[in-house]
Structure formats: C-alpha cells, structure tokens
Amino acid sequence: MDINEDCIRRRAYRMWEVEGRPPGRYEDHWQRARQEIETELLRASEHMSNTDHRLPLHVEEALIVDVALYDCTRGG
C-alpha cells in the first residue's frame, strides 16, 4: 500500500512529541507510524467494502475512516 510520506511524517512527529521528544528515535517512530497508518487504512478499506453504502453510516463506522486518514488529510 502506497502511503504519502507527509502522512507518515506527521504521525511520527506526533509520536515523538507524545514520548517527550527523545533523541535518536527517528527510525523507530517512522516505522511505527507507517505500520499504524497501513493497518488503519487496510481496516477502513475492508470495512468499507463490507458496508452497504445505500444505508447511512453509523458514527462509529465513519470514525474508522476518519481515524485512518487523520494524518493524511491535515494541512500539507
């Protein structure tokens, strides 16, 4: 799955900030961010393919997609 690097960069940066900005953890944060986004996008994709789109989405279902795309839809 091809993910925009800006999405990964924003997620990795947030991880770095949450963890207190530790030095030397760039690669770890990058890999974790990429894995999280891939997992969330795959989950959202699978969920959407199993959803009857003629019916309105429940809030919880809409949030799956929103969370998965959070870093990919902000700024940049």
C-alpha atoms as a PDB file:
ATOM      1  CA  MET A   1       0.000   0.000   0.000  1.00  0.00           C
ATOM      2  CA  ASP A   2       1.439   3.346  -1.073  1.00  0.00           C
ATOM      3  CA  ILE A   3       1.197   5.962   1.662  1.00  0.00           C
ATOM      4  CA  ASN A   4       2.082   9.619   1.254  1.00  0.00           C
ATOM      5  CA  GLU A   5       5.273  10.337   3.204  1.00  0.00           C
ATOM      6  CA  ASP A   6       3.748  13.524   4.639  1.00  0.00           C
ATOM      7  CA  CYS A   7       1.152  11.352   6.383  1.00  0.00           C
ATOM      8  CA  ILE A   8       3.881   9.239   7.945  1.00  0.00           C
ATOM      9  CA  ARG A   9       5.940  12.290   8.877  1.00  0.00           C
ATOM     10  CA  ARG A  10       3.032  13.926  10.728  1.00  0.00           C
ATOM     11  CA  ARG A  11       2.197  10.722  12.607  1.00  0.00           C
ATOM     12  CA  ALA A  12       5.863  10.085  13.510  1.00  0.00           C
ATOM     13  CA  TYR A  13       6.236  13.669  14.721  1.00  0.00           C
ATOM     14  CA  ARG A  14       3.194  13.340  16.984  1.00  0.00           C
ATOM     15  CA  MET A  15       4.649  10.103  18.416  1.00  0.00           C
ATOM     16  CA  TRP A  16       7.947  11.855  19.068  1.00  0.00           C
ATOM     17  CA  GLU A  17       6.196  14.725  20.857  1.00  0.00           C
ATOM     18  CA  VAL A  18       3.997  12.420  22.956  1.00  0.00           C
ATOM     19  CA  GLU A  19       7.065  10.462  24.067  1.00  0.00           C
ATOM     20  CA  GLY A  20       8.793  13.634  25.282  1.00  0.00           C
ATOM     21  CA  ARG A  21      10.895  14.314  22.162  1.00  0.00           C
ATOM     22  CA  PRO A  22      13.561  11.668  22.794  1.00  0.00           C
ATOM     23  CA  PRO A  23      16.682  11.965  20.633  1.00  0.00           C
ATOM     24  CA  GLY A  24      17.706   9.244  18.192  1.00  0.00           C
ATOM     25  CA  ARG A  25      14.301   7.605  17.734  1.00  0.00           C
ATOM     26  CA  TYR A  26      13.523   8.848  14.215  1.00  0.00           C
ATOM     27  CA  GLU A  27      13.608   5.454  12.515  1.00  0.00           C
ATOM     28  CA  ASP A  28      11.508   3.788  15.226  1.00  0.00           C
ATOM     29  CA  HIS A  29       8.838   6.491  15.065  1.00  0.00           C
ATOM     30  CA  TRP A  30       8.832   6.427  11.256  1.00  0.00           C
ATOM     31  CA  GLN A  31       8.367   2.644  11.104  1.00  0.00           C
ATOM     32  CA  ARG A  32       5.680   2.619  13.790  1.00  0.00           C
ATOM     33  CA  ALA A  33       3.809   5.485  12.123  1.00  0.00           C
ATOM     34  CA  ARG A  34       3.908   3.769   8.738  1.00  0.00           C
ATOM     35  CA  GLN A  35       2.678   0.479  10.225  1.00  0.00           C
ATOM     36  CA  GLU A  36      -0.158   2.175  12.127  1.00  0.00           C
ATOM     37  CA  ILE A  37      -1.358   4.054   9.051  1.00  0.00           C
ATOM     38  CA  GLU A  38      -1.149   0.954   6.846  1.00  0.00           C
ATOM     39  CA  THR A  39      -3.128  -1.053   9.383  1.00  0.00           C
ATOM     40  CA  GLU A  40      -5.773   1.659   9.804  1.00  0.00           C
ATOM     41  CA  LEU A  41      -6.177   2.164   6.047  1.00  0.00           C
ATOM     42  CA  LEU A  42      -6.457  -1.586   5.450  1.00  0.00           C
ATOM     43  CA  ARG A  43      -9.061  -1.852   8.214  1.00  0.00           C
ATOM     44  CA  ALA A  44     -11.017   1.076   6.774  1.00  0.00           C
ATOM     45  CA  SER A  45     -10.816  -0.365   3.271  1.00  0.00           C
ATOM     46  CA  GLU A  46     -12.033  -3.783   4.408  1.00  0.00           C
ATOM     47  CA  HIS A  47     -14.804  -2.212   6.439  1.00  0.00           C
ATOM     48  CA  MET A  48     -15.979  -0.045   3.551  1.00  0.00           C
ATOM     49  CA  SER A  49     -16.016  -2.997   1.159  1.00  0.00           C
ATOM     50  CA  ASN A  50     -18.312  -4.844   3.588  1.00  0.00           C
ATOM     51  CA  THR A  51     -20.647  -1.883   4.150  1.00  0.00           C
ATOM     52  CA  ASP A  52     -23.956  -1.452   2.393  1.00  0.00           C
ATOM     53  CA  HIS A  53     -23.447   2.071   1.093  1.00  0.00           C
ATOM     54  CA  ARG A  54     -27.139   2.567   0.472  1.00  0.00           C
ATOM     55  CA  LEU A  55     -27.601   2.942   4.216  1.00  0.00           C
ATOM     56  CA  PRO A  56     -26.242   5.861   6.259  1.00  0.00           C
ATOM     57  CA  LEU A  57     -23.046   5.119   8.157  1.00  0.00           C
ATOM     58  CA  HIS A  58     -23.199   4.980  11.916  1.00  0.00           C
ATOM     59  CA  VAL A  59     -20.904   7.378  13.724  1.00  0.00           C
ATOM     60  CA  GLU A  60     -18.573   4.544  14.775  1.00  0.00           C
ATOM     61  CA  GLU A  61     -18.190   3.352  11.197  1.00  0.00           C
ATOM     62  CA  ALA A  62     -17.465   6.852   9.944  1.00  0.00           C
ATOM     63  CA  LEU A  63     -14.813   7.269  12.635  1.00  0.00           C
ATOM     64  CA  ILE A  64     -12.882   4.225  11.386  1.00  0.00           C
ATOM     65  CA  VAL A  65     -12.187   6.021   8.129  1.00  0.00           C
ATOM     66  CA  ASP A  66     -11.658   9.386   9.820  1.00  0.00           C
ATOM     67  CA  VAL A  67      -9.048   7.994  12.220  1.00  0.00           C
ATOM     68  CA  ALA A  68      -7.253   6.124   9.438  1.00  0.00           C
ATOM     69  CA  LEU A  69      -6.948   9.238   7.304  1.00  0.00           C
ATOM     70  CA  TYR A  70      -6.309  11.755  10.090  1.00  0.00           C
ATOM     71  CA  ASP A  71      -2.650  12.371   9.274  1.00  0.00           C
ATOM     72  CA  CYS A  72      -3.260  12.295   5.529  1.00  0.00           C
ATOM     73  CA  THR A  73      -5.930  14.979   5.457  1.00  0.00           C
ATOM     74  CA  ARG A  74      -4.352  17.633   7.654  1.00  0.00           C
ATOM     75  CA  GLY A  75      -2.522  20.504   6.040  1.00  0.00           C
ATOM     76  CA  GLY A  76       0.408  19.902   3.732  1.00  0.00           C
END
